[in-house]
């Protein structure tokens, strides 16, 4: 029998610790890249919509086109990308259509609502996804998740003006953003089923394919002209969105849901602060309070129960 303090055991434990540290560092770097890319994408979309007056459907078209191109270059040589499946599987088609519509909702509201409010409303997808998963996938709703849902929904009411007594008025842009969050939630539920049979590259590519099918006709209908500056900004925003998505997927490969969720929950915070400082996006006191409730409730909905289990 090997003695308790043998060099082999010590070496094995040291190697295991080094691997955990390496995975943690790699996941953290990936999430920071994701956070940076998503923030850059949102701010560039705000510039394109409010300053450059570029049609949001053109932004969606660039995102889908460049995203599809990057996916083909990175994953097609390895054989993990099956584009035909986007039209052969009804689940993949559903993911593509719902994802394209949800992205279109975000892109069309980021100009009039502001990058901060549009992102905060869109961030409630995790709340709606949790509710849907409870009914569709029969996932259990614990006390922490239920409280998180209630907090987030109350905050959403304050943020959008659905709560009586607030100065904010609930308009059609708020409605579109809210519908986009619900669509994004439906996408998550579909993806949870798709991961059993499809690769990540194929799942992501399906959104790009249907995003092009949705965006190109509307972009052509509203097309006037694009300056080279616009093309550069559109390309930069699309690249940020694509690599933000890929980096987030890589981050969750090495981090726990709690750690990864904590990183992703800071995305709307950073975007909101940048939008306030760069574009003077207005927030009333009820809206600011609502934003806090949305963020806290969303975080508890995604990772609250898991954190509690880890600490137990």
Protein backbone atom coordinates (compact mmCIF):
# COMPACT_ATOMS: atom_id res chain seq x y z
CA UNK A 1 0.00 0.00 0.00
CA UNK A 2 1.23 3.49 -0.88
CA UNK A 3 2.12 5.64 2.15
CA UNK A 4 -0.21 8.61 2.75
CA UNK A 5 2.42 11.21 2.14
CA UNK A 6 4.03 9.56 -0.89
CA UNK A 7 5.52 11.75 -3.66
CA UNK A 8 3.24 10.11 -6.25
CA UNK A 9 0.08 11.21 -4.45
CA UNK A 10 1.46 14.70 -3.90
CA UNK A 11 2.40 14.97 -7.58
CA UNK A 12 -1.05 13.75 -8.65
CA UNK A 13 -2.81 16.30 -6.43
CA UNK A 14 -0.53 19.06 -7.68
CA UNK A 15 -1.24 18.13 -11.31
CA UNK A 16 -5.00 18.07 -10.66
CA UNK A 17 -4.82 21.50 -9.00
CA UNK A 18 -2.82 22.89 -11.92
CA UNK A 19 -5.42 21.58 -14.38
CA UNK A 20 -8.25 23.18 -12.41
CA UNK A 21 -6.38 26.49 -12.32
CA UNK A 22 -5.70 26.28 -16.05
CA UNK A 23 -9.38 25.60 -16.80
CA UNK A 24 -10.47 28.42 -14.50
CA UNK A 25 -8.06 30.87 -16.13
CA UNK A 26 -9.05 29.81 -19.64
CA UNK A 27 -12.75 30.07 -18.82
CA UNK A 28 -12.27 33.47 -17.20
CA UNK A 29 -10.36 34.82 -20.21
CA UNK A 30 -13.04 33.51 -22.57
CA UNK A 31 -15.81 35.16 -20.53
CA UNK A 32 -13.92 38.46 -20.42
CA UNK A 33 -13.54 38.31 -24.20
CA UNK A 34 -17.26 37.55 -24.47
CA UNK A 35 -18.16 40.46 -22.18
CA UNK A 36 -15.96 42.84 -24.19
CA UNK A 37 -17.36 41.67 -27.52
CA UNK A 38 -21.01 41.86 -26.46
CA UNK A 39 -20.45 45.34 -25.04
CA UNK A 40 -18.73 46.48 -28.22
CA UNK A 41 -21.53 45.03 -30.33
CA UNK A 42 -24.26 46.87 -28.38
CA UNK A 43 -22.45 50.22 -28.44
CA UNK A 44 -21.65 49.92 -32.15
CA UNK A 45 -25.31 49.12 -32.87
CA UNK A 46 -26.31 52.24 -30.95
CA UNK A 47 -23.90 54.34 -33.03
CA UNK A 48 -25.16 52.78 -36.26
CA UNK A 49 -28.83 53.34 -35.39
CA UNK A 50 -28.76 56.76 -33.71
CA UNK A 51 -25.73 58.52 -35.20
CA UNK A 52 -25.10 56.89 -38.58
CA UNK A 53 -28.85 56.21 -39.15
CA UNK A 54 -28.18 52.78 -40.63
CA UNK A 55 -31.24 50.56 -40.88
CA UNK A 56 -31.19 47.85 -38.14
CA UNK A 57 -32.12 45.22 -40.73
CA UNK A 58 -28.79 45.92 -42.42
CA UNK A 59 -27.06 45.36 -39.08
CA UNK A 60 -28.89 42.05 -38.71
CA UNK A 61 -27.89 41.02 -42.24
CA UNK A 62 -24.22 41.76 -41.59
CA UNK A 63 -24.33 39.88 -38.29
CA UNK A 64 -25.89 36.80 -39.87
CA UNK A 65 -23.65 36.87 -42.96
CA UNK A 66 -20.35 37.35 -41.15
CA UNK A 67 -21.39 34.93 -38.40
CA UNK A 68 -22.12 32.25 -41.00
CA UNK A 69 -18.82 32.92 -42.78
CA UNK A 70 -16.80 32.67 -39.56
CA UNK A 71 -18.61 29.46 -38.59
CA UNK A 72 -17.88 27.87 -41.98
CA UNK A 73 -14.19 28.83 -41.82
CA UNK A 74 -13.71 27.58 -38.24
CA UNK A 75 -15.83 24.44 -38.17
CA UNK A 76 -16.44 23.14 -41.71
CA UNK A 77 -12.90 21.71 -42.14
CA UNK A 78 -13.36 19.64 -38.97
CA UNK A 79 -16.66 18.24 -40.22
CA UNK A 80 -18.66 19.51 -37.22
CA UNK A 81 -20.82 21.86 -39.31
CA UNK A 82 -23.87 20.42 -41.10
CA UNK A 83 -25.63 23.32 -42.85
CA UNK A 84 -28.20 21.12 -44.58
CA UNK A 85 -29.53 20.12 -41.20
CA UNK A 86 -30.87 23.67 -40.82
CA UNK A 87 -33.57 22.79 -43.36
CA UNK A 88 -33.95 19.10 -42.54
CA UNK A 89 -34.61 19.31 -38.80
CA UNK A 90 -37.72 21.12 -37.58
CA UNK A 91 -36.02 21.79 -34.23
CA UNK A 92 -33.05 23.43 -35.97
CA UNK A 93 -35.42 25.41 -38.17
CA UNK A 94 -37.34 26.50 -35.06
CA UNK A 95 -34.09 27.56 -33.40
CA UNK A 96 -33.11 29.51 -36.50
CA UNK A 97 -36.43 31.30 -36.97
CA UNK A 98 -36.94 32.12 -33.28
CA UNK A 99 -33.32 33.23 -32.92
CA UNK A 100 -33.52 35.46 -35.99
CA UNK A 101 -36.75 37.09 -34.78
CA UNK A 102 -35.37 37.60 -31.27
CA UNK A 103 -32.17 39.17 -32.59
CA UNK A 104 -34.21 41.40 -34.91
CA UNK A 105 -36.25 42.60 -31.92
CA UNK A 106 -33.08 43.56 -30.05
CA UNK A 107 -31.51 45.27 -33.07
CA UNK A 108 -34.62 47.33 -33.87
CA UNK A 109 -35.07 48.57 -30.28
CA UNK A 110 -31.49 49.39 -29.32
CA UNK A 111 -31.70 52.72 -31.17
CA UNK A 112 -34.95 54.15 -29.75
CA UNK A 113 -34.68 52.60 -26.27
CA UNK A 114 -30.95 52.90 -25.84
CA UNK A 115 -28.35 50.18 -25.49
CA UNK A 116 -28.84 49.96 -21.72
CA UNK A 117 -32.62 49.56 -21.57
CA UNK A 118 -32.80 47.27 -24.62
CA UNK A 119 -30.13 44.98 -23.14
CA UNK A 120 -31.68 44.98 -19.67
CA UNK A 121 -35.08 44.01 -21.07
CA UNK A 122 -33.49 41.41 -23.31
CA UNK A 123 -31.59 39.98 -20.33
CA UNK A 124 -34.89 38.77 -18.85
CA UNK A 125 -34.78 35.88 -21.36
CA UNK A 126 -33.30 33.74 -18.56
CA UNK A 127 -36.43 34.31 -16.45
CA UNK A 128 -38.82 33.35 -19.24
CA UNK A 129 -36.59 30.40 -20.20
CA UNK A 130 -36.77 29.09 -16.64
CA UNK A 131 -40.56 29.33 -16.66
CA UNK A 132 -40.80 27.63 -20.07
CA UNK A 133 -38.37 24.89 -19.07
CA UNK A 134 -40.53 24.09 -16.04
CA UNK A 135 -43.52 23.38 -18.28
CA UNK A 136 -41.83 22.00 -21.42
CA UNK A 137 -38.82 20.15 -19.99
CA UNK A 138 -40.30 19.56 -16.52
CA UNK A 139 -37.33 21.21 -14.81
CA UNK A 140 -37.79 21.85 -11.11
CA UNK A 141 -38.44 25.37 -9.83
CA UNK A 142 -36.88 25.87 -6.40
CA UNK A 143 -37.66 28.63 -3.92
CA UNK A 144 -34.60 30.66 -4.95
CA UNK A 145 -35.56 30.55 -8.62
CA UNK A 146 -39.17 31.50 -7.92
CA UNK A 147 -38.05 34.49 -5.84
CA UNK A 148 -35.61 35.45 -8.58
CA UNK A 149 -38.39 35.33 -11.18
CA UNK A 150 -40.63 37.55 -9.04
CA UNK A 151 -37.83 40.05 -8.42
CA UNK A 152 -36.96 40.21 -12.13
CA UNK A 153 -40.57 40.60 -13.27
CA UNK A 154 -41.17 43.38 -10.74
CA UNK A 155 -38.01 45.11 -11.96
CA UNK A 156 -39.12 44.66 -15.56
CA UNK A 157 -42.37 46.44 -14.70
CA UNK A 158 -40.47 49.38 -13.21
CA UNK A 159 -38.02 49.51 -16.11
CA UNK A 160 -40.64 49.47 -18.87
CA UNK A 161 -43.47 51.41 -17.22
CA UNK A 162 -45.85 48.48 -16.73
CA UNK A 163 -45.99 49.14 -12.98
CA UNK A 164 -48.67 51.69 -11.94
CA UNK A 165 -47.37 54.95 -10.54
CA UNK A 166 -44.14 55.09 -12.53
CA UNK A 167 -43.24 57.97 -14.84
CA UNK A 168 -42.18 55.62 -17.62
CA UNK A 169 -44.65 54.88 -20.41
CA UNK A 170 -44.89 51.38 -21.83
CA UNK A 171 -44.71 51.81 -25.62
CA UNK A 172 -44.39 49.66 -28.70
CA UNK A 173 -40.58 49.58 -28.54
CA UNK A 174 -40.77 48.19 -25.02
CA UNK A 175 -43.25 45.61 -26.28
CA UNK A 176 -40.95 44.57 -29.13
CA UNK A 177 -38.00 44.25 -26.74
CA UNK A 178 -40.10 42.15 -24.37
CA UNK A 179 -41.26 39.89 -27.20
CA UNK A 180 -37.60 39.51 -28.19
CA UNK A 181 -36.75 38.35 -24.66
CA UNK A 182 -39.54 35.76 -24.78
CA UNK A 183 -38.34 34.55 -28.18
CA UNK A 184 -34.78 34.29 -26.87
CA UNK A 185 -36.10 32.21 -23.97
CA UNK A 186 -37.83 29.87 -26.39
CA UNK A 187 -34.54 29.51 -28.27
CA UNK A 188 -32.78 28.40 -25.08
CA UNK A 189 -35.40 25.71 -24.45
CA UNK A 190 -35.02 24.47 -28.04
CA UNK A 191 -31.20 24.49 -27.79
CA UNK A 192 -31.35 22.35 -24.65
CA UNK A 193 -33.07 19.71 -26.74
CA UNK A 194 -30.82 20.19 -29.77
CA UNK A 195 -27.58 19.65 -27.84
CA UNK A 196 -28.46 15.95 -27.61
CA UNK A 197 -28.21 15.47 -31.37
CA UNK A 198 -26.54 18.52 -32.97
CA UNK A 199 -23.12 20.19 -32.73
CA UNK A 200 -22.72 23.73 -31.41
CA UNK A 201 -21.52 24.89 -34.83
CA UNK A 202 -24.65 23.58 -36.57
CA UNK A 203 -26.93 25.11 -33.93
CA UNK A 204 -25.27 28.52 -34.21
CA UNK A 205 -25.17 28.37 -38.01
CA UNK A 206 -28.93 27.77 -38.14
CA UNK A 207 -29.54 31.18 -36.56
CA UNK A 208 -27.21 32.78 -39.10
CA UNK A 209 -28.97 31.08 -42.03
CA UNK A 210 -32.44 32.16 -40.96
CA UNK A 211 -31.14 35.55 -39.91
CA UNK A 212 -30.03 36.09 -43.51
CA UNK A 213 -33.37 34.88 -44.85
CA UNK A 214 -35.16 37.32 -42.56
CA UNK A 215 -32.81 40.28 -42.77
CA UNK A 216 -31.89 40.49 -46.47
CA UNK A 217 -35.41 41.27 -47.84
CA UNK A 218 -36.02 44.03 -45.28
CA UNK A 219 -32.50 45.41 -45.71
CA UNK A 220 -33.02 45.63 -49.48
CA UNK A 221 -36.43 47.28 -49.04
CA UNK A 222 -34.94 50.07 -46.91
CA UNK A 223 -31.55 50.28 -48.61
CA UNK A 224 -30.34 53.70 -49.77
CA UNK A 225 -26.55 53.79 -49.57
CA UNK A 226 -23.72 52.84 -47.24
CA UNK A 227 -20.55 54.81 -46.65
CA UNK A 228 -17.31 52.91 -46.10
CA UNK A 229 -17.46 54.02 -42.46
CA UNK A 230 -20.86 52.34 -42.16
CA UNK A 231 -19.54 49.15 -43.72
CA UNK A 232 -16.63 49.15 -41.28
CA UNK A 233 -18.89 49.69 -38.26
CA UNK A 234 -21.36 47.04 -39.45
CA UNK A 235 -18.55 44.53 -39.92
CA UNK A 236 -17.05 45.34 -36.52
CA UNK A 237 -20.42 44.92 -34.79
CA UNK A 238 -21.00 41.59 -36.55
CA UNK A 239 -17.53 40.31 -35.64
CA UNK A 240 -18.07 41.35 -32.01
CA UNK A 241 -21.41 39.51 -31.88
CA UNK A 242 -19.96 36.36 -33.47
CA UNK A 243 -16.86 36.07 -31.31
CA UNK A 244 -18.82 37.10 -28.23
CA UNK A 245 -21.09 34.11 -28.81
CA UNK A 246 -18.20 31.74 -29.50
CA UNK A 247 -16.21 32.97 -26.48
CA UNK A 248 -19.24 32.57 -24.21
CA UNK A 249 -19.67 28.96 -25.37
CA UNK A 250 -15.97 28.32 -24.71
CA UNK A 251 -16.20 29.94 -21.28
CA UNK A 252 -19.06 27.72 -20.16
CA UNK A 253 -17.00 24.72 -21.23
CA UNK A 254 -14.47 25.44 -18.46
CA UNK A 255 -16.52 27.30 -15.83
CA UNK A 256 -19.48 26.30 -13.70
CA UNK A 257 -22.92 27.66 -14.52
CA UNK A 258 -22.69 29.86 -11.43
CA UNK A 259 -19.35 31.38 -12.42
CA UNK A 260 -20.24 31.74 -16.09
CA UNK A 261 -23.67 33.17 -15.25
CA UNK A 262 -22.06 35.75 -12.97
CA UNK A 263 -19.87 36.93 -15.85
CA UNK A 264 -22.77 37.10 -18.30
CA UNK A 265 -24.93 38.96 -15.79
CA UNK A 266 -22.39 41.79 -15.79
CA UNK A 267 -22.87 42.32 -19.55
CA UNK A 268 -26.03 44.47 -19.23
CA UNK A 269 -24.41 46.35 -16.33
CA UNK A 270 -21.36 47.32 -18.40
CA UNK A 271 -23.46 48.13 -21.46
CA UNK A 272 -25.82 50.31 -19.41
CA UNK A 273 -22.99 52.23 -17.72
CA UNK A 274 -21.25 52.77 -21.08
CA UNK A 275 -24.51 53.87 -22.72
CA UNK A 276 -25.16 56.38 -19.93
CA UNK A 277 -21.65 57.82 -20.10
CA UNK A 278 -21.22 57.81 -23.89
CA UNK A 279 -24.76 58.52 -25.13
CA UNK A 280 -26.33 60.18 -22.06
CA UNK A 281 -29.03 57.50 -21.98
CA UNK A 282 -31.66 58.74 -19.47
CA UNK A 283 -32.76 56.61 -16.52
CA UNK A 284 -35.45 57.71 -14.07
CA UNK A 285 -35.19 56.62 -10.45
CA UNK A 286 -37.87 53.90 -10.89
CA UNK A 287 -36.07 52.65 -14.01
CA UNK A 288 -32.73 52.49 -12.21
CA UNK A 289 -34.37 50.61 -9.34
CA UNK A 290 -36.05 48.32 -11.86
CA UNK A 291 -32.70 47.62 -13.53
CA UNK A 292 -31.27 46.50 -10.18
CA UNK A 293 -34.24 44.18 -9.58
CA UNK A 294 -33.95 42.75 -13.10
CA UNK A 295 -30.25 42.01 -12.71
CA UNK A 296 -30.54 40.53 -9.23
CA UNK A 297 -33.61 38.49 -10.11
CA UNK A 298 -32.04 37.21 -13.33
CA UNK A 299 -28.87 36.19 -11.51
CA UNK A 300 -30.80 34.29 -8.83
CA UNK A 301 -32.95 32.62 -11.49
CA UNK A 302 -29.91 31.30 -13.35
CA UNK A 303 -27.40 30.46 -10.62
CA UNK A 304 -28.94 31.11 -7.20
CA UNK A 305 -29.98 27.54 -6.48
CA UNK A 306 -26.70 26.13 -7.79
CA UNK A 307 -24.64 28.47 -5.62
CA UNK A 308 -26.61 27.38 -2.57
CA UNK A 309 -25.95 23.71 -3.33
CA UNK A 310 -22.22 24.36 -3.71
CA UNK A 311 -22.03 26.17 -0.38
CA UNK A 312 -24.03 23.46 1.42
